[in-house]
Amino acid sequence: MRQDLERVQSPGPRPNTPELGARQGHRNAGAAQLLTSDGSISDEFERCLKHIFAKYCTSPPPDGPNGKRYVFLSPPEGAYLSSEGLDAWATDTNGTPFSEDTKKELREFMDVTDTGCLTFKGFLQIYQLQTENDEEETWRDLSQHGFDRNLRLVSSRREDADGDADPLVSAHPSPEKNRAAIKTDNNANPS
């Protein structure tokens, strides 16, 4: 059995394992970074987290013109994850809902509403801590929600994309730019 273990173990570091001096959140060499140099969440990462949070929050974001959904969702002001939304997010991310002990810790240490529901600020706090301690876990979470290592939604993973997705909607990185592109397109081609 010892020979079997030795065969499985590689002599050097695992592939994709950073150098010993690499800091968590800064390991994706040459591509998008999750954390800034001062350790805060990067703008690109926050955009991804807004999208993920918006899929599960109360008062989901409205559809765009003609009922189309924006590729990058953004939660409305004051949105939060209800207990059901938290369970759905945890299940989609990790395969199971959080235990009651974990939910209690979240309510105790993260930003929550007066009724104990996780706010977007609390959601950011979760990912800030996780990324500082285990960046690869954060990358796995992002992958579960359709993002690649450049923090782009991969079309084969987009929940809302279909075969005839509007390229103007999917080609822009933010809902604000999507709205402008759609408005411009509608003005150019009146129905």
N, C-alpha and C. Protein backbone atom coordinates (compact mmCIF):
# COMPACT_ATOMS: atom_id res chain seq x y z
N MET A 1 0.83 -1.18 0.00
CA MET A 1 0.00 0.00 0.00
C MET A 1 0.87 1.25 0.00
N ARG A 2 1.98 1.20 0.70
CA ARG A 2 2.87 2.36 0.73
C ARG A 2 3.36 2.69 -0.67
N GLN A 3 3.63 1.67 -1.49
CA GLN A 3 4.07 1.91 -2.87
C GLN A 3 2.98 2.63 -3.66
N ASP A 4 1.72 2.26 -3.42
CA ASP A 4 0.61 2.92 -4.10
C ASP A 4 0.58 4.40 -3.76
N LEU A 5 0.76 4.73 -2.49
CA LEU A 5 0.75 6.13 -2.07
C LEU A 5 1.91 6.90 -2.68
N GLU A 6 3.09 6.26 -2.74
CA GLU A 6 4.24 6.94 -3.30
C GLU A 6 4.06 7.20 -4.79
N ARG A 7 3.38 6.29 -5.49
CA ARG A 7 3.12 6.49 -6.90
C ARG A 7 2.18 7.66 -7.14
N VAL A 8 1.20 7.85 -6.26
CA VAL A 8 0.22 8.91 -6.42
C VAL A 8 0.81 10.27 -6.06
N GLN A 9 1.70 10.30 -5.09
CA GLN A 9 2.29 11.57 -4.67
C GLN A 9 3.32 12.03 -5.69
N SER A 10 3.26 13.31 -6.01
CA SER A 10 4.24 13.85 -6.94
C SER A 10 5.44 14.37 -6.16
N PRO A 11 6.61 14.37 -6.76
CA PRO A 11 7.80 14.82 -6.05
C PRO A 11 7.82 16.33 -5.80
N GLY A 12 7.15 17.11 -6.62
CA GLY A 12 7.18 18.57 -6.47
C GLY A 12 5.82 19.10 -6.06
N PRO A 13 5.68 20.42 -6.09
CA PRO A 13 4.39 21.01 -5.73
C PRO A 13 3.31 20.62 -6.74
N ARG A 14 2.07 20.68 -6.30
CA ARG A 14 0.95 20.37 -7.18
C ARG A 14 0.89 21.38 -8.30
N PRO A 15 0.37 20.96 -9.47
CA PRO A 15 0.17 21.95 -10.54
C PRO A 15 -0.77 23.05 -10.04
N ASN A 16 -0.54 24.24 -10.52
CA ASN A 16 -1.35 25.42 -10.17
C ASN A 16 -1.19 25.84 -8.71
N THR A 17 -0.19 25.30 -8.02
CA THR A 17 0.07 25.72 -6.65
C THR A 17 1.05 26.88 -6.73
N PRO A 18 0.78 27.98 -6.06
CA PRO A 18 1.65 29.14 -6.17
C PRO A 18 2.96 28.95 -5.44
N GLU A 19 3.86 29.85 -5.72
CA GLU A 19 5.11 29.86 -4.99
C GLU A 19 4.81 30.09 -3.52
N LEU A 20 5.71 29.69 -2.68
CA LEU A 20 5.48 29.82 -1.25
C LEU A 20 5.22 31.25 -0.80
N GLY A 21 5.79 32.24 -1.48
CA GLY A 21 5.62 33.62 -1.07
C GLY A 21 4.35 34.28 -1.61
N ALA A 22 3.59 33.57 -2.45
CA ALA A 22 2.40 34.17 -3.05
C ALA A 22 1.34 34.42 -1.99
N ARG A 23 0.68 35.57 -2.09
CA ARG A 23 -0.38 35.90 -1.14
C ARG A 23 -1.72 35.43 -1.69
N GLN A 24 -2.61 35.03 -0.77
CA GLN A 24 -3.95 34.64 -1.17
C GLN A 24 -4.63 35.83 -1.85
N GLY A 25 -5.39 35.54 -2.89
CA GLY A 25 -6.10 36.58 -3.61
C GLY A 25 -5.28 37.20 -4.72
N HIS A 26 -3.99 36.82 -4.82
CA HIS A 26 -3.09 37.40 -5.81
C HIS A 26 -2.36 36.29 -6.58
N ARG A 27 -2.97 35.12 -6.69
CA ARG A 27 -2.27 33.97 -7.24
C ARG A 27 -2.51 33.75 -8.71
N ASN A 28 -3.44 34.40 -9.32
CA ASN A 28 -3.83 34.15 -10.70
C ASN A 28 -2.93 34.98 -11.62
N ALA A 29 -1.69 34.55 -11.76
CA ALA A 29 -0.68 35.31 -12.49
C ALA A 29 -1.14 35.63 -13.91
N GLY A 30 -1.01 36.91 -14.27
CA GLY A 30 -1.32 37.33 -15.62
C GLY A 30 -2.80 37.42 -15.94
N ALA A 31 -3.65 37.21 -14.97
CA ALA A 31 -5.09 37.26 -15.22
C ALA A 31 -5.75 38.08 -14.11
N ALA A 32 -7.05 37.96 -14.03
CA ALA A 32 -7.82 38.73 -13.05
C ALA A 32 -7.41 38.37 -11.63
N GLN A 33 -7.39 39.38 -10.79
CA GLN A 33 -7.06 39.18 -9.38
C GLN A 33 -8.32 39.37 -8.55
N LEU A 34 -8.43 38.59 -7.50
CA LEU A 34 -9.60 38.67 -6.64
C LEU A 34 -9.48 39.80 -5.62
N LEU A 35 -8.28 40.03 -5.14
CA LEU A 35 -8.04 41.07 -4.14
C LEU A 35 -7.09 42.11 -4.69
N THR A 36 -7.23 43.33 -4.22
CA THR A 36 -6.33 44.40 -4.62
C THR A 36 -5.05 44.31 -3.80
N SER A 37 -4.09 45.17 -4.09
CA SER A 37 -2.82 45.14 -3.37
C SER A 37 -3.00 45.43 -1.88
N ASP A 38 -4.06 46.16 -1.51
CA ASP A 38 -4.29 46.43 -0.09
C ASP A 38 -5.19 45.38 0.57
N GLY A 39 -5.54 44.32 -0.17
CA GLY A 39 -6.30 43.22 0.40
C GLY A 39 -7.80 43.34 0.31
N SER A 40 -8.31 44.38 -0.36
CA SER A 40 -9.76 44.50 -0.51
C SER A 40 -10.21 43.78 -1.79
N ILE A 41 -11.49 43.57 -1.91
CA ILE A 41 -12.05 42.87 -3.07
C ILE A 41 -11.90 43.75 -4.31
N SER A 42 -11.38 43.17 -5.39
CA SER A 42 -11.20 43.92 -6.63
C SER A 42 -12.56 44.26 -7.25
N ASP A 43 -12.58 45.28 -8.09
CA ASP A 43 -13.83 45.68 -8.74
C ASP A 43 -14.40 44.54 -9.60
N GLU A 44 -13.52 43.83 -10.31
CA GLU A 44 -13.97 42.74 -11.17
C GLU A 44 -14.59 41.61 -10.34
N PHE A 45 -13.96 41.29 -9.23
CA PHE A 45 -14.47 40.24 -8.35
C PHE A 45 -15.80 40.67 -7.74
N GLU A 46 -15.91 41.94 -7.33
CA GLU A 46 -17.16 42.43 -6.76
C GLU A 46 -18.29 42.34 -7.77
N ARG A 47 -18.01 42.63 -9.04
CA ARG A 47 -19.03 42.52 -10.08
C ARG A 47 -19.55 41.07 -10.15
N CYS A 48 -18.65 40.10 -10.06
CA CYS A 48 -19.05 38.69 -10.07
C CYS A 48 -19.90 38.36 -8.85
N LEU A 49 -19.48 38.86 -7.69
CA LEU A 49 -20.22 38.59 -6.46
C LEU A 49 -21.60 39.23 -6.48
N LYS A 50 -21.72 40.42 -7.08
CA LYS A 50 -23.03 41.05 -7.23
C LYS A 50 -23.94 40.15 -8.06
N HIS A 51 -23.39 39.62 -9.13
CA HIS A 51 -24.16 38.75 -10.02
C HIS A 51 -24.65 37.51 -9.26
N ILE A 52 -23.76 36.88 -8.53
CA ILE A 52 -24.12 35.67 -7.78
C ILE A 52 -25.16 36.01 -6.72
N PHE A 53 -24.93 37.05 -5.94
CA PHE A 53 -25.85 37.46 -4.88
C PHE A 53 -27.23 37.76 -5.47
N ALA A 54 -27.26 38.46 -6.60
CA ALA A 54 -28.53 38.87 -7.22
C ALA A 54 -29.38 37.67 -7.64
N LYS A 55 -28.75 36.56 -7.94
CA LYS A 55 -29.51 35.36 -8.35
C LYS A 55 -30.33 34.79 -7.20
N TYR A 56 -29.93 35.07 -5.95
CA TYR A 56 -30.55 34.44 -4.79
C TYR A 56 -31.23 35.43 -3.84
N CYS A 57 -31.07 36.73 -4.07
CA CYS A 57 -31.56 37.72 -3.12
C CYS A 57 -33.07 37.93 -3.23
N THR A 58 -33.60 38.56 -2.20
CA THR A 58 -35.00 38.98 -2.24
C THR A 58 -35.08 40.12 -3.25
N SER A 59 -36.22 40.35 -3.80
CA SER A 59 -36.40 41.38 -4.83
C SER A 59 -35.34 41.25 -5.91
N PRO A 60 -35.39 40.16 -6.69
CA PRO A 60 -34.37 39.98 -7.73
C PRO A 60 -34.38 41.17 -8.69
N PRO A 61 -33.25 41.41 -9.33
CA PRO A 61 -33.17 42.56 -10.24
C PRO A 61 -34.16 42.41 -11.38
N PRO A 62 -34.67 43.52 -11.89
CA PRO A 62 -35.64 43.44 -12.98
C PRO A 62 -34.99 43.00 -14.28
N ASP A 63 -35.81 42.45 -15.15
CA ASP A 63 -35.34 42.12 -16.49
C ASP A 63 -35.10 43.41 -17.26
N GLY A 64 -34.32 43.31 -18.29
CA GLY A 64 -34.06 44.46 -19.14
C GLY A 64 -35.22 44.69 -20.09
N PRO A 65 -35.03 45.56 -21.08
CA PRO A 65 -36.06 45.82 -22.06
C PRO A 65 -36.46 44.54 -22.79
N ASN A 66 -37.70 44.44 -23.15
CA ASN A 66 -38.23 43.28 -23.89
C ASN A 66 -38.05 41.98 -23.11
N GLY A 67 -37.97 42.05 -21.78
CA GLY A 67 -37.89 40.86 -20.96
C GLY A 67 -36.55 40.17 -20.96
N LYS A 68 -35.52 40.76 -21.55
CA LYS A 68 -34.19 40.14 -21.58
C LYS A 68 -33.48 40.38 -20.27
N ARG A 69 -32.74 39.38 -19.81
CA ARG A 69 -31.95 39.53 -18.59
C ARG A 69 -30.55 39.97 -18.96
N TYR A 70 -30.00 40.82 -18.12
CA TYR A 70 -28.62 41.25 -18.32
C TYR A 70 -27.70 40.11 -17.92
N VAL A 71 -26.58 39.98 -18.62
CA VAL A 71 -25.64 38.93 -18.28
C VAL A 71 -25.13 39.12 -16.87
N PHE A 72 -24.72 40.33 -16.53
CA PHE A 72 -24.26 40.59 -15.17
C PHE A 72 -25.38 41.26 -14.40
N LEU A 73 -25.93 40.52 -13.46
CA LEU A 73 -27.00 41.03 -12.62
C LEU A 73 -26.40 41.89 -11.51
N SER A 74 -27.22 42.74 -10.96
CA SER A 74 -26.80 43.57 -9.83
C SER A 74 -27.97 43.62 -8.86
N PRO A 75 -27.71 43.33 -7.59
CA PRO A 75 -28.83 43.32 -6.63
C PRO A 75 -29.38 44.71 -6.40
N PRO A 76 -30.69 44.83 -6.20
CA PRO A 76 -31.25 46.14 -5.90
C PRO A 76 -30.81 46.61 -4.52
N GLU A 77 -30.91 47.89 -4.29
CA GLU A 77 -30.56 48.48 -2.99
C GLU A 77 -31.38 47.81 -1.89
N GLY A 78 -30.73 47.44 -0.80
CA GLY A 78 -31.42 46.85 0.34
C GLY A 78 -31.72 45.37 0.20
N ALA A 79 -31.25 44.73 -0.86
CA ALA A 79 -31.50 43.30 -1.05
C ALA A 79 -30.74 42.49 0.00
N TYR A 80 -31.24 41.30 0.27
CA TYR A 80 -30.61 40.41 1.23
C TYR A 80 -30.93 38.98 0.85
N LEU A 81 -30.20 38.05 1.46
CA LEU A 81 -30.48 36.63 1.25
C LEU A 81 -31.37 36.16 2.39
N SER A 82 -32.56 35.74 2.07
CA SER A 82 -33.43 35.14 3.07
C SER A 82 -32.84 33.78 3.43
N SER A 83 -33.42 33.11 4.38
CA SER A 83 -32.95 31.78 4.76
C SER A 83 -33.00 30.84 3.55
N GLU A 84 -34.07 30.94 2.76
CA GLU A 84 -34.21 30.10 1.57
C GLU A 84 -33.16 30.46 0.52
N GLY A 85 -32.92 31.76 0.33
CA GLY A 85 -31.91 32.20 -0.62
C GLY A 85 -30.51 31.77 -0.21
N LEU A 86 -30.23 31.86 1.09
CA LEU A 86 -28.94 31.43 1.61
C LEU A 86 -28.74 29.93 1.37
N ASP A 87 -29.79 29.15 1.65
CA ASP A 87 -29.70 27.70 1.42
C ASP A 87 -29.51 27.38 -0.06
N ALA A 88 -30.23 28.10 -0.93
CA ALA A 88 -30.12 27.85 -2.37
C ALA A 88 -28.70 28.19 -2.85
N TRP A 89 -28.17 29.33 -2.39
CA TRP A 89 -26.81 29.71 -2.78
C TRP A 89 -25.79 28.69 -2.27
N ALA A 90 -25.90 28.30 -1.01
CA ALA A 90 -24.95 27.34 -0.45
C ALA A 90 -25.03 26.00 -1.19
N THR A 91 -26.24 25.57 -1.51
CA THR A 91 -26.41 24.30 -2.23
C THR A 91 -25.82 24.38 -3.64
N ASP A 92 -26.09 25.46 -4.35
CA ASP A 92 -25.54 25.62 -5.70
C ASP A 92 -24.03 25.76 -5.68
N THR A 93 -23.50 26.31 -4.61
CA THR A 93 -22.06 26.53 -4.52
C THR A 93 -21.31 25.31 -4.00
N ASN A 94 -21.85 24.68 -2.94
CA ASN A 94 -21.12 23.60 -2.26
C ASN A 94 -21.83 22.26 -2.25
N GLY A 95 -23.03 22.20 -2.81
CA GLY A 95 -23.74 20.93 -2.88
C GLY A 95 -24.70 20.67 -1.73
N THR A 96 -24.59 21.44 -0.65
CA THR A 96 -25.49 21.27 0.49
C THR A 96 -25.74 22.62 1.15
N PRO A 97 -26.88 22.77 1.81
CA PRO A 97 -27.11 24.02 2.56
C PRO A 97 -26.19 24.08 3.77
N PHE A 98 -26.05 25.27 4.33
CA PHE A 98 -25.24 25.44 5.53
C PHE A 98 -25.92 24.78 6.72
N SER A 99 -25.11 24.33 7.67
CA SER A 99 -25.64 23.79 8.92
C SER A 99 -26.19 24.95 9.75
N GLU A 100 -26.99 24.64 10.74
CA GLU A 100 -27.52 25.69 11.62
C GLU A 100 -26.39 26.40 12.36
N ASP A 101 -25.34 25.67 12.73
CA ASP A 101 -24.19 26.29 13.40
C ASP A 101 -23.51 27.33 12.50
N THR A 102 -23.35 26.98 11.22
CA THR A 102 -22.74 27.92 10.27
C THR A 102 -23.62 29.15 10.09
N LYS A 103 -24.93 28.94 9.99
CA LYS A 103 -25.85 30.08 9.85
C LYS A 103 -25.78 30.98 11.08
N LYS A 104 -25.66 30.37 12.25
CA LYS A 104 -25.55 31.15 13.48
C LYS A 104 -24.28 32.00 13.47
N GLU A 105 -23.17 31.41 13.02
CA GLU A 105 -21.91 32.15 12.92
C GLU A 105 -22.03 33.30 11.93
N LEU A 106 -22.68 33.06 10.80
CA LEU A 106 -22.87 34.13 9.82
C LEU A 106 -23.65 35.28 10.43
N ARG A 107 -24.73 34.96 11.14
CA ARG A 107 -25.55 36.01 11.78
C ARG A 107 -24.76 36.76 12.85
N GLU A 108 -23.84 36.06 13.50
CA GLU A 108 -23.07 36.67 14.58
C GLU A 108 -21.93 37.55 14.07
N PHE A 109 -21.25 37.13 13.00
CA PHE A 109 -20.03 37.81 12.59
C PHE A 109 -20.12 38.60 11.29
N MET A 110 -21.15 38.37 10.47
CA MET A 110 -21.26 39.06 9.20
C MET A 110 -22.38 40.09 9.25
N ASP A 111 -22.39 40.97 8.28
CA ASP A 111 -23.42 42.00 8.22
C ASP A 111 -24.75 41.36 7.82
N VAL A 112 -25.75 41.54 8.66
CA VAL A 112 -27.08 40.98 8.42
C VAL A 112 -28.14 42.05 8.70
N THR A 113 -29.35 41.80 8.23
CA THR A 113 -30.46 42.70 8.52
C THR A 113 -30.88 42.53 9.97
N ASP A 114 -31.82 43.36 10.42
CA ASP A 114 -32.34 43.24 11.79
C ASP A 114 -32.99 41.88 12.03
N THR A 115 -33.44 41.24 10.97
CA THR A 115 -34.07 39.92 11.11
C THR A 115 -33.09 38.77 10.87
N GLY A 116 -31.80 39.09 10.71
CA GLY A 116 -30.77 38.05 10.59
C GLY A 116 -30.53 37.54 9.19
N CYS A 117 -30.96 38.28 8.17
CA CYS A 117 -30.74 37.87 6.78
C CYS A 117 -29.44 38.50 6.27
N LEU A 118 -28.68 37.75 5.51
CA LEU A 118 -27.37 38.19 5.03
C LEU A 118 -27.51 39.30 4.00
N THR A 119 -26.82 40.42 4.22
CA THR A 119 -26.81 41.53 3.29
C THR A 119 -25.70 41.32 2.25
N PHE A 120 -25.69 42.18 1.23
CA PHE A 120 -24.61 42.09 0.25
C PHE A 120 -23.27 42.38 0.92
N LYS A 121 -23.25 43.33 1.86
CA LYS A 121 -22.02 43.62 2.60
C LYS A 121 -21.54 42.37 3.32
N GLY A 122 -22.44 41.62 3.94
CA GLY A 122 -22.09 40.37 4.61
C GLY A 122 -21.59 39.33 3.63
N PHE A 123 -22.19 39.29 2.46
CA PHE A 123 -21.77 38.37 1.39
C PHE A 123 -20.33 38.68 0.98
N LEU A 124 -20.04 39.99 0.83
CA LEU A 124 -18.66 40.40 0.52
C LEU A 124 -17.70 40.00 1.64
N GLN A 125 -18.14 40.15 2.89
CA GLN A 125 -17.30 39.78 4.02
C GLN A 125 -16.95 38.29 3.98
N ILE A 126 -17.93 37.46 3.65
CA ILE A 126 -17.68 36.02 3.54
C ILE A 126 -16.57 35.76 2.53
N TYR A 127 -16.71 36.36 1.34
CA TYR A 127 -15.73 36.10 0.29
C TYR A 127 -14.40 36.77 0.54
N GLN A 128 -14.38 37.88 1.24
CA GLN A 128 -13.12 38.51 1.61
C GLN A 128 -12.32 37.55 2.51
N LEU A 129 -12.97 37.05 3.54
CA LEU A 129 -12.31 36.12 4.47
C LEU A 129 -11.89 34.83 3.78
N GLN A 130 -12.80 34.27 2.99
CA GLN A 130 -12.48 33.02 2.32
C GLN A 130 -11.29 33.19 1.38
N THR A 131 -11.29 34.28 0.61
CA THR A 131 -10.22 34.50 -0.37
C THR A 131 -8.88 34.74 0.31
N GLU A 132 -8.90 35.45 1.43
CA GLU A 132 -7.66 35.67 2.17
C GLU A 132 -7.09 34.35 2.69
N ASN A 133 -7.95 33.41 3.02
CA ASN A 133 -7.51 32.15 3.63
C ASN A 133 -7.39 30.99 2.67
N ASP A 134 -8.20 30.95 1.61
CA ASP A 134 -8.18 29.82 0.68
C ASP A 134 -8.68 30.28 -0.69
N GLU A 135 -7.79 30.90 -1.43
CA GLU A 135 -8.17 31.46 -2.72
C GLU A 135 -8.73 30.40 -3.67
N GLU A 136 -8.17 29.22 -3.65
CA GLU A 136 -8.64 28.17 -4.56
C GLU A 136 -10.11 27.82 -4.29
N GLU A 137 -10.53 27.86 -3.05
CA GLU A 137 -11.94 27.61 -2.72
C GLU A 137 -12.81 28.68 -3.37
N THR A 138 -12.35 29.91 -3.37
CA THR A 138 -13.11 30.98 -4.01
C THR A 138 -13.18 30.76 -5.51
N TRP A 139 -12.07 30.35 -6.12
CA TRP A 139 -12.10 30.07 -7.56
C TRP A 139 -13.07 28.93 -7.87
N ARG A 140 -13.12 27.92 -7.02
CA ARG A 140 -14.08 26.82 -7.23
C ARG A 140 -15.51 27.35 -7.14
N ASP A 141 -15.77 28.22 -6.17
CA ASP A 141 -17.11 28.82 -6.04
C ASP A 141 -17.47 29.59 -7.30
N LEU A 142 -16.54 30.42 -7.77
CA LEU A 142 -16.80 31.20 -8.97
C LEU A 142 -17.06 30.30 -10.17
N SER A 143 -16.31 29.24 -10.29
CA SER A 143 -16.52 28.29 -11.37
C SER A 143 -17.90 27.65 -11.30
N GLN A 144 -18.34 27.32 -10.09
CA GLN A 144 -19.68 26.74 -9.90
C GLN A 144 -20.77 27.67 -10.43
N HIS A 145 -20.49 28.97 -10.40
CA HIS A 145 -21.47 29.95 -10.84
C HIS A 145 -21.18 30.47 -12.25
N GLY A 146 -20.28 29.79 -12.96
CA GLY A 146 -20.09 30.07 -14.38
C GLY A 146 -18.97 31.01 -14.74
N PHE A 147 -18.09 31.36 -13.81
CA PHE A 147 -17.01 32.30 -14.11
C PHE A 147 -15.70 31.57 -14.37
N ASP A 148 -14.92 32.10 -15.30
CA ASP A 148 -13.60 31.53 -15.57
C ASP A 148 -12.54 32.29 -14.78
N ARG A 149 -11.27 31.97 -15.01
CA ARG A 149 -10.18 32.60 -14.26
C ARG A 149 -9.92 34.05 -14.67
N ASN A 150 -10.63 34.52 -15.68
CA ASN A 150 -10.56 35.93 -16.05
C ASN A 150 -11.79 36.68 -15.56
N LEU A 151 -12.59 36.01 -14.71
CA LEU A 151 -13.81 36.56 -14.13
C LEU A 151 -14.84 36.93 -15.19
N ARG A 152 -14.87 36.13 -16.25
CA ARG A 152 -15.89 36.28 -17.29
C ARG A 152 -16.86 35.12 -17.16
N LEU A 153 -18.13 35.40 -17.44
CA LEU A 153 -19.09 34.32 -17.51
C LEU A 153 -18.79 33.50 -18.76
N VAL A 154 -18.68 32.22 -18.59
CA VAL A 154 -18.41 31.33 -19.71
C VAL A 154 -19.77 30.96 -20.30
N SER A 155 -19.94 31.16 -21.59
CA SER A 155 -21.26 31.01 -22.21
C SER A 155 -21.89 29.65 -21.96
N SER A 156 -21.10 28.60 -21.90
CA SER A 156 -21.68 27.27 -21.67
C SER A 156 -22.19 27.12 -20.24
N ARG A 157 -21.84 28.04 -19.35
CA ARG A 157 -22.27 27.95 -17.97
C ARG A 157 -23.33 28.98 -17.62
N ARG A 158 -23.64 29.91 -18.51
CA ARG A 158 -24.59 30.97 -18.21
C ARG A 158 -25.98 30.40 -18.05
N GLU A 159 -26.59 30.68 -16.93
CA GLU A 159 -27.94 30.19 -16.68
C GLU A 159 -28.93 30.87 -17.59
N ASP A 160 -28.70 32.13 -17.89
CA ASP A 160 -29.69 32.92 -18.60
C ASP A 160 -29.43 33.03 -20.09
N ALA A 161 -28.30 32.54 -20.56
CA ALA A 161 -28.00 32.65 -21.98
C ALA A 161 -28.69 31.52 -22.73
N ASP A 162 -29.12 31.84 -23.93
CA ASP A 162 -29.67 30.79 -24.78
C ASP A 162 -29.06 30.94 -26.16
N GLY A 163 -29.43 30.08 -27.07
CA GLY A 163 -28.83 30.07 -28.40
C GLY A 163 -28.97 31.37 -29.14
N ASP A 164 -30.04 32.11 -28.90
CA ASP A 164 -30.22 33.37 -29.62
C ASP A 164 -30.05 34.57 -28.69
N ALA A 165 -29.08 34.45 -27.79
CA ALA A 165 -28.82 35.55 -26.84
C ALA A 165 -28.41 36.79 -27.60
N ASP A 166 -28.85 37.92 -27.14
CA ASP A 166 -28.54 39.20 -27.75
C ASP A 166 -27.07 39.52 -27.53
N PRO A 167 -26.28 39.64 -28.61
CA PRO A 167 -24.85 39.91 -28.43
C PRO A 167 -24.59 41.25 -27.75
N LEU A 168 -25.52 42.21 -27.91
CA LEU A 168 -25.31 43.49 -27.23
C LEU A 168 -25.39 43.33 -25.73
N VAL A 169 -26.24 42.44 -25.27
CA VAL A 169 -26.38 42.24 -23.84
C VAL A 169 -25.17 41.48 -23.30
N SER A 170 -24.73 40.45 -24.00
CA SER A 170 -23.66 39.62 -23.47
C SER A 170 -22.28 40.19 -23.74
N ALA A 171 -22.17 41.18 -24.60
CA ALA A 171 -20.85 41.68 -24.96
C ALA A 171 -20.33 42.76 -24.01
N HIS A 172 -21.17 43.26 -23.13
CA HIS A 172 -20.75 44.35 -22.27
C HIS A 172 -20.57 43.89 -20.84
N PRO A 173 -19.58 44.46 -20.13
CA PRO A 173 -19.24 43.97 -18.80
C PRO A 173 -20.12 44.44 -17.66
N SER A 174 -21.02 45.39 -17.88
CA SER A 174 -21.81 45.85 -16.75
C SER A 174 -23.24 46.12 -17.17
N PRO A 175 -24.20 46.02 -16.24
CA PRO A 175 -25.58 46.32 -16.58
C PRO A 175 -25.76 47.72 -17.13
N GLU A 176 -24.98 48.69 -16.62
CA GLU A 176 -25.12 50.06 -17.11
C GLU A 176 -24.75 50.13 -18.59
N LYS A 177 -23.67 49.48 -18.96
CA LYS A 177 -23.28 49.48 -20.37
C LYS A 177 -24.28 48.68 -21.20
N ASN A 178 -24.81 47.59 -20.65
CA ASN A 178 -25.82 46.83 -21.36
C ASN A 178 -27.03 47.70 -21.65
N ARG A 179 -27.49 48.47 -20.66
CA ARG A 179 -28.65 49.33 -20.86
C ARG A 179 -28.39 50.33 -21.97
N ALA A 180 -27.20 50.93 -21.96
CA ALA A 180 -26.85 51.91 -22.98
C ALA A 180 -26.81 51.26 -24.36
N ALA A 181 -26.25 50.06 -24.45
CA ALA A 181 -26.16 49.37 -25.73
C ALA A 181 -27.55 49.01 -26.24
N ILE A 182 -28.40 48.53 -25.37
CA ILE A 182 -29.75 48.16 -25.78
C ILE A 182 -30.53 49.38 -26.22
N LYS A 183 -30.40 50.48 -25.46
CA LYS A 183 -31.11 51.72 -25.80
C LYS A 183 -30.64 52.22 -27.17
N THR A 184 -29.33 52.21 -27.40
CA THR A 184 -28.79 52.64 -28.68
C THR A 184 -29.31 51.76 -29.80
N ASP A 185 -29.31 50.45 -29.59
CA ASP A 185 -29.77 49.50 -30.61
C ASP A 185 -31.26 49.71 -30.88
N ASN A 186 -32.06 49.92 -29.87
CA ASN A 186 -33.50 50.14 -30.07
C ASN A 186 -33.78 51.43 -30.83
N ASN A 187 -32.96 52.46 -30.59
CA ASN A 187 -33.13 53.72 -31.31
C ASN A 187 -32.74 53.58 -32.77
N ALA A 188 -31.74 52.75 -33.06
CA ALA A 188 -31.28 52.56 -34.42
C ALA A 188 -32.25 51.71 -35.23
N ASN A 189 -32.92 50.78 -34.58
CA ASN A 189 -33.83 49.85 -35.26
C ASN A 189 -35.20 49.89 -34.62
N PRO A 190 -35.98 50.94 -34.83
CA PRO A 190 -37.29 50.99 -34.17
C PRO A 190 -38.17 49.88 -34.66
N SER A 191 -38.99 49.34 -33.73
CA SER A 191 -39.87 48.23 -34.08
C SER A 191 -41.22 48.74 -34.50
